[in-house]
C-alpha atoms as a PDB file:
ATOM      1  CA  UNK A   1      16.633 -14.060  89.284  1.00  0.00           C
ATOM      2  CA  UNK A   2      13.133 -13.892  88.499  1.00  0.00           C
ATOM      3  CA  UNK A   3      13.725 -10.312  87.262  1.00  0.00           C
ATOM      4  CA  UNK A   4      16.343 -11.572  84.900  1.00  0.00           C
ATOM      5  CA  UNK A   5      14.240 -14.228  83.518  1.00  0.00           C
ATOM      6  CA  UNK A   6      11.633 -11.885  82.980  1.00  0.00           C
ATOM      7  CA  UNK A   7      13.847  -9.607  81.071  1.00  0.00           C
ATOM      8  CA  UNK A   8      14.838 -12.480  78.880  1.00  0.00           C
ATOM      9  CA  UNK A   9      11.291 -13.347  78.252  1.00  0.00           C
ATOM     10  CA  UNK A  10      10.579  -9.695  77.174  1.00  0.00           C
ATOM     11  CA  UNK A  11      13.811  -9.921  75.046  1.00  0.00           C
ATOM     12  CA  UNK A  12      12.518 -13.149  73.384  1.00  0.00           C
ATOM     13  CA  UNK A  13       9.192 -11.790  72.804  1.00  0.00           C
ATOM     14  CA  UNK A  14      10.618  -8.604  71.463  1.00  0.00           C
ATOM     15  CA  UNK A  15      12.901 -10.462  69.235  1.00  0.00           C
ATOM     16  CA  UNK A  16       9.927 -12.773  68.135  1.00  0.00           C
ATOM     17  CA  UNK A  17       7.935  -9.595  67.318  1.00  0.00           C
ATOM     18  CA  UNK A  18      10.778  -8.112  65.343  1.00  0.00           C
ATOM     19  CA  UNK A  19      11.191 -11.197  63.357  1.00  0.00           C
ATOM     20  CA  UNK A  20       7.404 -11.355  62.675  1.00  0.00           C
ATOM     21  CA  UNK A  21       7.447  -7.801  61.542  1.00  0.00           C
ATOM     22  CA  UNK A  22      10.452  -8.562  59.251  1.00  0.00           C
ATOM     23  CA  UNK A  23       8.751 -11.398  57.933  1.00  0.00           C
ATOM     24  CA  UNK A  24       5.524  -9.653  57.133  1.00  0.00           C
ATOM     25  CA  UNK A  25       7.429  -6.719  55.727  1.00  0.00           C
ATOM     26  CA  UNK A  26       9.416  -8.944  53.488  1.00  0.00           C
ATOM     27  CA  UNK A  27       6.305 -10.732  52.318  1.00  0.00           C
ATOM     28  CA  UNK A  28       4.445  -7.369  51.661  1.00  0.00           C
ATOM     29  CA  UNK A  29       7.528  -6.164  49.755  1.00  0.00           C
ATOM     30  CA  UNK A  30       7.631  -9.311  47.753  1.00  0.00           C
ATOM     31  CA  UNK A  31       3.891  -9.185  47.111  1.00  0.00           C
ATOM     32  CA  UNK A  32       4.220  -5.518  46.097  1.00  0.00           C
ATOM     33  CA  UNK A  33       7.107  -6.268  43.930  1.00  0.00           C
ATOM     34  CA  UNK A  34       5.425  -9.170  42.196  1.00  0.00           C
ATOM     35  CA  UNK A  35       2.293  -6.994  41.717  1.00  0.00           C
ATOM     36  CA  UNK A  36       4.340  -4.189  40.224  1.00  0.00           C
ATOM     37  CA  UNK A  37       6.128  -6.674  37.808  1.00  0.00           C
ATOM     38  CA  UNK A  38       2.710  -8.116  36.711  1.00  0.00           C
ATOM     39  CA  UNK A  39       1.314  -4.603  36.179  1.00  0.00           C
ATOM     40  CA  UNK A  40       4.428  -3.616  33.988  1.00  0.00           C
ATOM     41  CA  UNK A  41       4.129  -6.872  32.107  1.00  0.00           C
ATOM     42  CA  UNK A  42       0.432  -6.118  31.596  1.00  0.00           C
ATOM     43  CA  UNK A  43       1.221  -2.687  30.426  1.00  0.00           C
ATOM     44  CA  UNK A  44       3.811  -4.019  28.020  1.00  0.00           C
ATOM     45  CA  UNK A  45       1.380  -6.618  26.556  1.00  0.00           C
ATOM     46  CA  UNK A  46      -1.241  -3.980  26.160  1.00  0.00           C
ATOM     47  CA  UNK A  47       0.925  -1.725  24.245  1.00  0.00           C
ATOM     48  CA  UNK A  48       2.054  -4.623  22.113  1.00  0.00           C
ATOM     49  CA  UNK A  49      -1.566  -5.518  21.358  1.00  0.00           C
ATOM     50  CA  UNK A  50      -2.521  -1.844  20.506  1.00  0.00           C
ATOM     51  CA  UNK A  51       0.486  -1.656  18.204  1.00  0.00           C
ATOM     52  CA  UNK A  52      -0.488  -4.850  16.551  1.00  0.00           C
ATOM     53  CA  UNK A  53      -4.067  -3.751  16.115  1.00  0.00           C
ATOM     54  CA  UNK A  54      -3.075  -0.446  14.689  1.00  0.00           C
ATOM     55  CA  UNK A  55      -0.795  -2.035  12.161  1.00  0.00           C
ATOM     56  CA  UNK A  56      -3.552  -4.543  11.234  1.00  0.00           C
ATOM     57  CA  UNK A  57      -6.045  -1.596  10.755  1.00  0.00           C
ATOM     58  CA  UNK A  58      -3.465   0.158   8.464  1.00  0.00           C
ATOM     59  CA  UNK A  59      -2.925  -3.166   6.414  1.00  0.00           C
ATOM     60  CA  UNK A  60      -6.793  -3.346   6.039  1.00  0.00           C
ATOM     61  CA  UNK A  61      -7.022   0.176   4.743  1.00  0.00           C
ATOM     62  CA  UNK A  62      -4.068  -0.201   2.422  1.00  0.00           C
ATOM     63  CA  UNK A  63      -5.485  -3.438   0.999  1.00  0.00           C
ATOM     64  CA  UNK A  64      -8.914  -1.782   0.510  1.00  0.00           C
ATOM     65  CA  UNK A  65      -7.423   1.126  -1.100  1.00  0.00           C
ATOM     66  CA  UNK A  66      -5.262  -1.141  -3.452  1.00  0.00           C
ATOM     67  CA  UNK A  67      -8.351  -3.231  -4.314  1.00  0.00           C
ATOM     68  CA  UNK A  68     -10.351  -0.124  -5.245  1.00  0.00           C
ATOM     69  CA  UNK A  69      -7.525   1.144  -7.467  1.00  0.00           C
ATOM     70  CA  UNK A  70      -7.295  -2.241  -9.074  1.00  0.00           C
ATOM     71  CA  UNK A  71     -11.221  -2.344  -9.827  1.00  0.00           C
ATOM     72  CA  UNK A  72     -10.870   1.248 -10.948  1.00  0.00           C
ATOM     73  CA  UNK A  73      -8.119   0.614 -13.443  1.00  0.00           C
ATOM     74  CA  UNK A  74      -8.753  -3.094 -14.052  1.00  0.00           C
ATOM     75  CA  UNK A  75      -9.920  -2.323 -17.583  1.00  0.00           C
ATOM     76  CA  UNK A  76      -7.282   0.171 -18.304  1.00  0.00           C
ATOM     77  CA  UNK A  77      -5.312  -2.123 -20.745  1.00  0.00           C
ATOM     78  CA  UNK A  78      -8.420  -3.102 -22.727  1.00  0.00           C
ATOM     79  CA  UNK A  79      -9.554   0.576 -22.807  1.00  0.00           C
ATOM     80  CA  UNK A  80      -6.166   1.750 -23.924  1.00  0.00           C
ATOM     81  CA  UNK A  81      -6.320  -0.837 -26.795  1.00  0.00           C
ATOM     82  CA  UNK A  82      -9.670   0.567 -27.918  1.00  0.00           C
ATOM     83  CA  UNK A  83      -8.504   4.053 -27.975  1.00  0.00           C
ATOM     84  CA  UNK A  84      -7.136   3.662 -31.607  1.00  0.00           C
ATOM     85  CA  UNK A  85     -10.525   2.392 -32.581  1.00  0.00           C
ATOM     86  CA  UNK A  86     -12.103   5.714 -31.231  1.00  0.00           C
ATOM     87  CA  UNK A  87      -9.564   7.562 -33.263  1.00  0.00           C
ATOM     88  CA  UNK A  88     -10.457   5.711 -36.366  1.00  0.00           C
ATOM     89  CA  UNK A  89     -14.144   6.657 -35.930  1.00  0.00           C
ATOM     90  CA  UNK A  90     -13.255  10.233 -35.563  1.00  0.00           C
ATOM     91  CA  UNK A  91     -11.230  10.185 -38.693  1.00  0.00           C
ATOM     92  CA  UNK A  92     -13.931   8.175 -40.574  1.00  0.00           C
ATOM     93  CA  UNK A  93     -16.588  10.846 -39.701  1.00  0.00           C
ATOM     94  CA  UNK A  94     -14.380  13.475 -40.691  1.00  0.00           C
ATOM     95  CA  UNK A  95     -13.529  11.989 -44.132  1.00  0.00           C
ATOM     96  CA  UNK A  96     -17.171  11.004 -44.897  1.00  0.00           C
ATOM     97  CA  UNK A  97     -18.380  14.517 -43.980  1.00  0.00           C
ATOM     98  CA  UNK A  98     -15.759  15.867 -46.452  1.00  0.00           C
ATOM     99  CA  UNK A  99     -16.547  13.632 -49.466  1.00  0.00           C
ATOM    100  CA  UNK A 100     -20.490  13.568 -49.390  1.00  0.00           C
ATOM    101  CA  UNK A 101     -23.279  15.707 -48.345  1.00  0.00           C
ATOM    102  CA  UNK A 102     -24.372  16.151 -44.510  1.00  0.00           C
ATOM    103  CA  UNK A 103     -27.754  14.212 -45.008  1.00  0.00           C
ATOM    104  CA  UNK A 104     -25.839  11.061 -45.909  1.00  0.00           C
ATOM    105  CA  UNK A 105     -27.105   7.747 -44.165  1.00  0.00           C
ATOM    106  CA  UNK A 106     -23.497   6.507 -43.918  1.00  0.00           C
ATOM    107  CA  UNK A 107     -22.276   9.462 -41.897  1.00  0.00           C
ATOM    108  CA  UNK A 108     -25.350   9.213 -39.632  1.00  0.00           C
ATOM    109  CA  UNK A 109     -24.763   5.321 -39.181  1.00  0.00           C
ATOM    110  CA  UNK A 110     -21.077   5.809 -38.337  1.00  0.00           C
ATOM    111  CA  UNK A 111     -21.882   8.595 -35.915  1.00  0.00           C
ATOM    112  CA  UNK A 112     -24.466   6.515 -34.075  1.00  0.00           C
ATOM    113  CA  UNK A 113     -21.874   3.676 -33.732  1.00  0.00           C
ATOM    114  CA  UNK A 114     -19.117   6.090 -32.615  1.00  0.00           C
ATOM    115  CA  UNK A 115     -21.479   7.633 -29.944  1.00  0.00           C
ATOM    116  CA  UNK A 116     -22.552   4.228 -28.703  1.00  0.00           C
ATOM    117  CA  UNK A 117     -18.997   3.242 -28.416  1.00  0.00           C
ATOM    118  CA  UNK A 118     -17.914   6.362 -26.889  1.00  0.00           C
ATOM    119  CA  UNK A 119     -20.711   6.238 -24.226  1.00  0.00           C
ATOM    120  CA  UNK A 120     -19.685   2.751 -23.306  1.00  0.00           C
ATOM    121  CA  UNK A 121     -16.117   3.746 -22.774  1.00  0.00           C
ATOM    122  CA  UNK A 122     -17.345   6.696 -20.619  1.00  0.00           C
ATOM    123  CA  UNK A 123     -19.521   4.411 -18.607  1.00  0.00           C
ATOM    124  CA  UNK A 124     -16.317   2.654 -17.714  1.00  0.00           C
ATOM    125  CA  UNK A 125     -14.691   5.793 -16.456  1.00  0.00           C
ATOM    126  CA  UNK A 126     -13.048   7.105 -19.622  1.00  0.00           C
ATOM    127  CA  UNK A 127     -12.949  10.989 -19.866  1.00  0.00           C
ATOM    128  CA  UNK A 128     -11.573  12.835 -23.016  1.00  0.00           C
ATOM    129  CA  UNK A 129      -9.085  15.529 -22.162  1.00  0.00           C
ATOM    130  CA  UNK A 130     -10.347  18.754 -23.548  1.00  0.00           C
ATOM    131  CA  UNK A 131      -7.524  20.624 -25.405  1.00  0.00           C
ATOM    132  CA  UNK A 132      -8.296  23.538 -27.846  1.00  0.00           C
ATOM    133  CA  UNK A 133      -6.200  25.337 -30.369  1.00  0.00           C
ATOM    134  CA  UNK A 134      -4.742  28.365 -28.754  1.00  0.00           C
ATOM    135  CA  UNK A 135      -4.352  26.785 -25.203  1.00  0.00           C
ATOM    136  CA  UNK A 136      -1.221  27.342 -23.478  1.00  0.00           C
ATOM    137  CA  UNK A 137       1.067  24.252 -23.891  1.00  0.00           C
ATOM    138  CA  UNK A 138       2.059  22.492 -20.588  1.00  0.00           C
ATOM    139  CA  UNK A 139       4.600  19.741 -20.681  1.00  0.00           C
ATOM    140  CA  UNK A 140       2.611  18.185 -17.677  1.00  0.00           C
ATOM    141  CA  UNK A 141      -0.497  17.807 -19.423  1.00  0.00           C
ATOM    142  CA  UNK A 142       0.401  17.607 -23.307  1.00  0.00           C
ATOM    143  CA  UNK A 143       2.746  15.718 -25.359  1.00  0.00           C
ATOM    144  CA  UNK A 144       4.444  17.921 -28.057  1.00  0.00           C
ATOM    145  CA  UNK A 145       4.983  16.196 -31.312  1.00  0.00           C
ATOM    146  CA  UNK A 146       6.653  18.982 -33.079  1.00  0.00           C
ATOM    147  CA  UNK A 147       7.057  22.740 -33.192  1.00  0.00           C
ATOM    148  CA  UNK A 148       6.274  24.849 -36.243  1.00  0.00           C
ATOM    149  CA  UNK A 149       6.539  28.608 -36.737  1.00  0.00           C
ATOM    150  CA  UNK A 150       3.369  30.135 -35.266  1.00  0.00           C
ATOM    151  CA  UNK A 151       0.836  31.372 -37.820  1.00  0.00           C
ATOM    152  CA  UNK A 152       0.366  34.552 -35.630  1.00  0.00           C
ATOM    153  CA  UNK A 153       2.157  36.065 -32.775  1.00  0.00           C
ATOM    154  CA  UNK A 154      -0.652  35.196 -30.262  1.00  0.00           C
ATOM    155  CA  UNK A 155      -0.084  31.469 -30.850  1.00  0.00           C
ATOM    156  CA  UNK A 156       3.575  31.568 -29.767  1.00  0.00           C
ATOM    157  CA  UNK A 157       4.236  29.038 -27.160  1.00  0.00           C
ATOM    158  CA  UNK A 158       0.673  27.844 -27.399  1.00  0.00           C
ATOM    159  CA  UNK A 159      -1.051  24.770 -29.087  1.00  0.00           C
ATOM    160  CA  UNK A 160      -1.457  25.138 -32.910  1.00  0.00           C
ATOM    161  CA  UNK A 161      -3.022  21.896 -33.672  1.00  0.00           C
ATOM    162  CA  UNK A 162      -4.136  18.731 -31.825  1.00  0.00           C
ATOM    163  CA  UNK A 163      -3.025  15.460 -33.487  1.00  0.00           C
ATOM    164  CA  UNK A 164      -4.438  12.945 -31.178  1.00  0.00           C
ATOM    165  CA  UNK A 165      -6.948  13.374 -28.374  1.00  0.00           C
ATOM    166  CA  UNK A 166      -5.932  12.548 -24.814  1.00  0.00           C
ATOM    167  CA  UNK A 167      -7.952  10.536 -22.299  1.00  0.00           C
ATOM    168  CA  UNK A 168      -8.249   9.966 -18.487  1.00  0.00           C
ATOM    169  CA  UNK A 169      -9.291   6.939 -16.708  1.00  0.00           C
ATOM    170  CA  UNK A 170     -10.574   8.194 -13.446  1.00  0.00           C
ATOM    171  CA  UNK A 171      -7.993  10.609 -12.146  1.00  0.00           C
ATOM    172  CA  UNK A 172      -5.201   8.855 -14.003  1.00  0.00           C
ATOM    173  CA  UNK A 173      -4.036  10.139 -17.551  1.00  0.00           C
ATOM    174  CA  UNK A 174      -3.783   6.891 -19.683  1.00  0.00           C
ATOM    175  CA  UNK A 175      -2.986   8.864 -22.966  1.00  0.00           C
ATOM    176  CA  UNK A 176      -1.640  12.374 -23.148  1.00  0.00           C
ATOM    177  CA  UNK A 177      -3.019  14.593 -26.043  1.00  0.00           C
ATOM    178  CA  UNK A 178      -0.543  14.897 -28.821  1.00  0.00           C
ATOM    179  CA  UNK A 179      -0.177  18.414 -30.076  1.00  0.00           C
ATOM    180  CA  UNK A 180       1.718  20.631 -32.221  1.00  0.00           C
ATOM    181  CA  UNK A 181       2.998  23.945 -30.641  1.00  0.00           C
ATOM    182  CA  UNK A 182       4.080  27.227 -32.158  1.00  0.00           C
ATOM    183  CA  UNK A 183       7.395  29.062 -31.738  1.00  0.00           C
END
């Protein structure tokens, strides 16, 4: 009988060992599972953080660019409203030089005022668009007022006369030059 009891003890110990191993295995599996879940959640949160950070950086760049553009063109409306004054100075100089001699003090005074006015506008970023008679007409760069028969064959499709100067503020054209083209 002793032999049978001993077998039962071995069986009981064997069962107890199996139960302990099963419990340890289940505990390790549960710990690994929780650890994997936490790593996965951490990865998701890192990804979410990186995306949010990148979006914020893009927002900062965009607002900085918009702010720089605003500063660059902040005075655009004021400068555009002053362009007719510049045109009036040019017309005044042209008319004064036609009617009186070149040594006239009036002509010199008007030229000084015009040059000072022009340099002030240039310091704010205004640039005159250079257009010459005989340049090729481009609808992207010029505004055609009218077409007239070309005085010579070499002026066909080209600029015959410049009616009004064009201006750029920075890289942006604020007034296209108004021209007459030949056909």
